[in-house]
Protein backbone atom coordinates (compact mmCIF):
# COMPACT_ATOMS: atom_id res chain seq x y z
CA UNK A 1 -12.85 19.35 -21.92
CA UNK A 2 -10.27 18.34 -19.34
CA UNK A 3 -9.08 21.94 -18.98
CA UNK A 4 -12.64 23.13 -18.53
CA UNK A 5 -13.27 20.55 -15.84
CA UNK A 6 -10.07 21.55 -14.05
CA UNK A 7 -11.58 24.99 -13.59
CA UNK A 8 -14.37 23.48 -11.56
CA UNK A 9 -12.59 20.46 -10.10
CA UNK A 10 -12.00 22.33 -6.87
CA UNK A 11 -15.71 21.91 -6.36
CA UNK A 12 -16.25 18.47 -5.13
CA UNK A 13 -17.29 19.58 -1.68
CA UNK A 14 -20.47 17.62 -2.13
CA UNK A 15 -19.43 14.15 -1.11
CA UNK A 16 -21.52 12.60 -3.91
CA UNK A 17 -23.97 10.95 -1.53
CA UNK A 18 -25.58 9.54 -4.68
CA UNK A 19 -23.14 7.46 -6.70
CA UNK A 20 -22.99 7.79 -10.47
CA UNK A 21 -24.74 4.50 -11.25
CA UNK A 22 -27.52 5.29 -8.75
CA UNK A 23 -27.89 8.82 -10.15
CA UNK A 24 -28.31 7.45 -13.66
CA UNK A 25 -30.80 4.85 -12.46
CA UNK A 26 -32.80 7.50 -10.57
CA UNK A 27 -33.13 9.65 -13.68
CA UNK A 28 -34.38 7.00 -16.11
CA UNK A 29 -37.45 8.41 -17.87
CA UNK A 30 -40.94 7.51 -16.72
CA UNK A 31 -41.98 7.34 -20.36
CA UNK A 32 -39.89 7.21 -23.52
CA UNK A 33 -41.09 7.62 -27.08
CA UNK A 34 -38.63 6.75 -29.84
CA UNK A 35 -39.00 7.50 -33.55
CA UNK A 36 -39.58 4.29 -35.50
CA UNK A 37 -36.50 4.71 -37.69
CA UNK A 38 -34.05 4.62 -34.76
CA UNK A 39 -32.42 1.21 -34.38
CA UNK A 40 -31.62 -0.23 -30.91
CA UNK A 41 -27.85 0.23 -31.36
CA UNK A 42 -28.33 3.86 -32.44
CA UNK A 43 -30.70 4.43 -29.52
CA UNK A 44 -28.12 3.16 -27.03
CA UNK A 45 -25.46 5.48 -28.48
CA UNK A 46 -27.83 8.46 -28.33
CA UNK A 47 -28.94 7.81 -24.77
CA UNK A 48 -25.61 7.01 -23.05
CA UNK A 49 -24.53 10.67 -22.85
CA UNK A 50 -28.08 11.82 -22.11
CA UNK A 51 -28.36 9.38 -19.20
CA UNK A 52 -24.99 10.60 -17.90
CA UNK A 53 -26.17 14.23 -18.25
CA UNK A 54 -29.26 13.75 -16.09
CA UNK A 55 -27.31 11.62 -13.65
CA UNK A 56 -24.93 14.60 -13.37
CA UNK A 57 -27.85 16.90 -12.53
CA UNK A 58 -28.87 14.48 -9.77
CA UNK A 59 -25.47 14.30 -8.07
CA UNK A 60 -23.14 16.96 -9.52
CA UNK A 61 -20.55 14.38 -10.59
CA UNK A 62 -17.94 15.87 -12.89
CA UNK A 63 -17.20 12.31 -14.08
CA UNK A 64 -20.75 12.07 -15.42
CA UNK A 65 -20.56 15.54 -16.92
CA UNK A 66 -17.37 14.64 -18.80
CA UNK A 67 -19.07 11.49 -20.15
CA UNK A 68 -22.09 13.52 -21.21
CA UNK A 69 -21.03 16.66 -23.03
CA UNK A 70 -18.57 17.53 -25.76
CA UNK A 71 -15.64 19.90 -25.25
CA UNK A 72 -17.31 22.32 -27.66
CA UNK A 73 -20.73 22.03 -25.96
CA UNK A 74 -22.96 25.00 -26.75
CA UNK A 75 -25.83 26.21 -24.59
CA UNK A 76 -28.19 27.99 -26.98
CA UNK A 77 -30.27 29.48 -24.14
CA UNK A 78 -27.43 30.53 -21.89
CA UNK A 79 -28.63 32.56 -18.89
CA UNK A 80 -26.79 35.83 -18.17
CA UNK A 81 -23.65 35.27 -16.12
CA UNK A 82 -23.35 31.54 -16.86
CA UNK A 83 -20.20 30.55 -18.76
CA UNK A 84 -20.52 28.92 -22.17
CA UNK A 85 -19.19 25.40 -22.69
CA UNK A 86 -18.77 22.60 -20.13
CA UNK A 87 -18.19 25.14 -17.35
CA UNK A 88 -21.82 26.32 -17.67
CA UNK A 89 -23.60 23.16 -16.50
CA UNK A 90 -20.91 22.63 -13.83
CA UNK A 91 -21.51 26.14 -12.45
CA UNK A 92 -25.31 25.75 -12.60
CA UNK A 93 -25.19 22.40 -10.81
CA UNK A 94 -22.89 23.79 -8.13
CA UNK A 95 -25.30 26.70 -7.54
CA UNK A 96 -28.40 24.51 -7.38
CA UNK A 97 -26.86 21.87 -5.14
CA UNK A 98 -25.64 24.60 -2.79
CA UNK A 99 -29.20 25.94 -2.59
CA UNK A 100 -31.02 22.59 -2.65
CA UNK A 101 -28.70 19.88 -1.31
CA UNK A 102 -31.44 17.22 -1.55
CA UNK A 103 -32.22 18.09 -5.19
CA UNK A 104 -33.96 15.30 -7.08
CA UNK A 105 -34.28 15.20 -10.86
CA UNK A 106 -37.08 13.23 -12.46
CA UNK A 107 -37.17 12.68 -16.21
CA UNK A 108 -40.94 12.54 -16.62
CA UNK A 109 -40.83 11.77 -20.32
CA UNK A 110 -38.36 11.65 -23.17
CA UNK A 111 -38.76 11.90 -26.94
CA UNK A 112 -35.99 10.60 -29.21
CA UNK A 113 -35.99 11.79 -32.83
CA UNK A 114 -33.00 11.87 -35.19
CA UNK A 115 -30.01 13.22 -33.24
CA UNK A 116 -32.24 15.04 -30.71
CA UNK A 117 -33.51 14.03 -27.31
CA UNK A 118 -36.27 16.09 -25.72
CA UNK A 119 -36.75 15.62 -21.98
CA UNK A 120 -39.51 16.94 -19.75
CA UNK A 121 -37.97 17.26 -16.28
CA UNK A 122 -39.15 17.85 -12.74
CA UNK A 123 -36.85 19.20 -10.02
CA UNK A 124 -37.81 18.77 -6.35
CA UNK A 125 -36.16 19.25 -2.99
CA UNK A 126 -35.89 21.70 -0.12
CA UNK A 127 -34.25 25.11 -0.08
CA UNK A 128 -31.96 24.68 2.90
CA UNK A 129 -28.82 26.29 1.47
CA UNK A 130 -28.25 29.69 -0.11
CA UNK A 131 -29.13 31.14 -3.50
CA UNK A 132 -27.95 34.58 -4.65
CA UNK A 133 -27.27 35.53 -1.03
CA UNK A 134 -30.65 34.37 0.29
CA UNK A 135 -30.67 31.66 2.94
CA UNK A 136 -33.31 28.96 2.72
CA UNK A 137 -35.54 27.89 5.56
CA UNK A 138 -36.50 24.48 4.20
CA UNK A 139 -39.04 25.67 1.63
CA UNK A 140 -40.22 22.91 -0.69
CA UNK A 141 -39.08 23.33 -4.28
CA UNK A 142 -40.97 21.75 -7.17
CA UNK A 143 -40.58 23.10 -10.70
CA UNK A 144 -40.31 21.83 -14.28
CA UNK A 145 -37.92 22.23 -17.16
CA UNK A 146 -37.61 21.07 -20.76
CA UNK A 147 -34.37 20.25 -22.57
CA UNK A 148 -33.71 19.64 -26.23
CA UNK A 149 -30.23 18.19 -26.66
CA UNK A 150 -28.32 17.23 -29.79
CA UNK A 151 -26.05 14.18 -29.61
CA UNK A 152 -23.14 13.78 -32.04
CA UNK A 153 -20.08 11.60 -31.76
CA UNK A 154 -21.24 10.08 -28.47
CA UNK A 155 -21.58 13.41 -26.61
CA UNK A 156 -24.15 16.15 -26.19
CA UNK A 157 -23.01 19.03 -28.39
CA UNK A 158 -25.96 21.41 -28.03
CA UNK A 159 -28.69 22.21 -25.53
CA UNK A 160 -31.80 24.36 -25.76
CA UNK A 161 -33.55 24.51 -22.39
CA UNK A 162 -36.32 26.29 -20.58
CA UNK A 163 -36.78 26.19 -16.81
CA UNK A 164 -39.75 27.42 -14.82
CA UNK A 165 -37.60 29.94 -12.96
CA UNK A 166 -40.60 32.05 -11.92
CA UNK A 167 -42.05 29.16 -9.91
CA UNK A 168 -38.65 28.37 -8.40
CA UNK A 169 -38.03 31.99 -7.35
CA UNK A 170 -41.56 32.25 -5.89
CA UNK A 171 -41.08 29.04 -3.93
CA UNK A 172 -37.84 30.24 -2.33
CA UNK A 173 -39.31 33.66 -1.54
CA UNK A 174 -37.25 35.78 -3.93
CA UNK A 175 -40.31 36.85 -5.95
CA UNK A 176 -43.75 37.27 -4.43
CA UNK A 177 -46.86 36.01 -6.18
């Protein structure tokens, strides 16, 4: 994991205007449903890396990312061109924060079952940066995503995700309705 993070450690150009604790607090779920067989201690262990993961999406902190995902993290729905492993979320975050510097992540709801955490997410902000060579003009961005993550040994080991990329690309003017 440390070697993977070194590859992206040069990126810390974003001055982390949102601290790690604040990023985690901002991404607490609006609603959480937990299977009845999960004990409070087990729930805490499952959610620590998940909370760090969504805090990472809010501020791009590599410290939070390293607390969240395992060295052998696998993205089961890896988009073309994104690296597998810890480098993948780091690259995606870097791209999104470059395009949408005021990106906000809201965990609308969360389901906790077994070793899985399902989160319904909402991403908002303004396209004032660049994305795939296109410069933003302040367009409002508001799209959803869903993650299913597996937590083992205190880290997220697997992620299956689906983002509403069509809405995002329409909002920034890359695809016309």
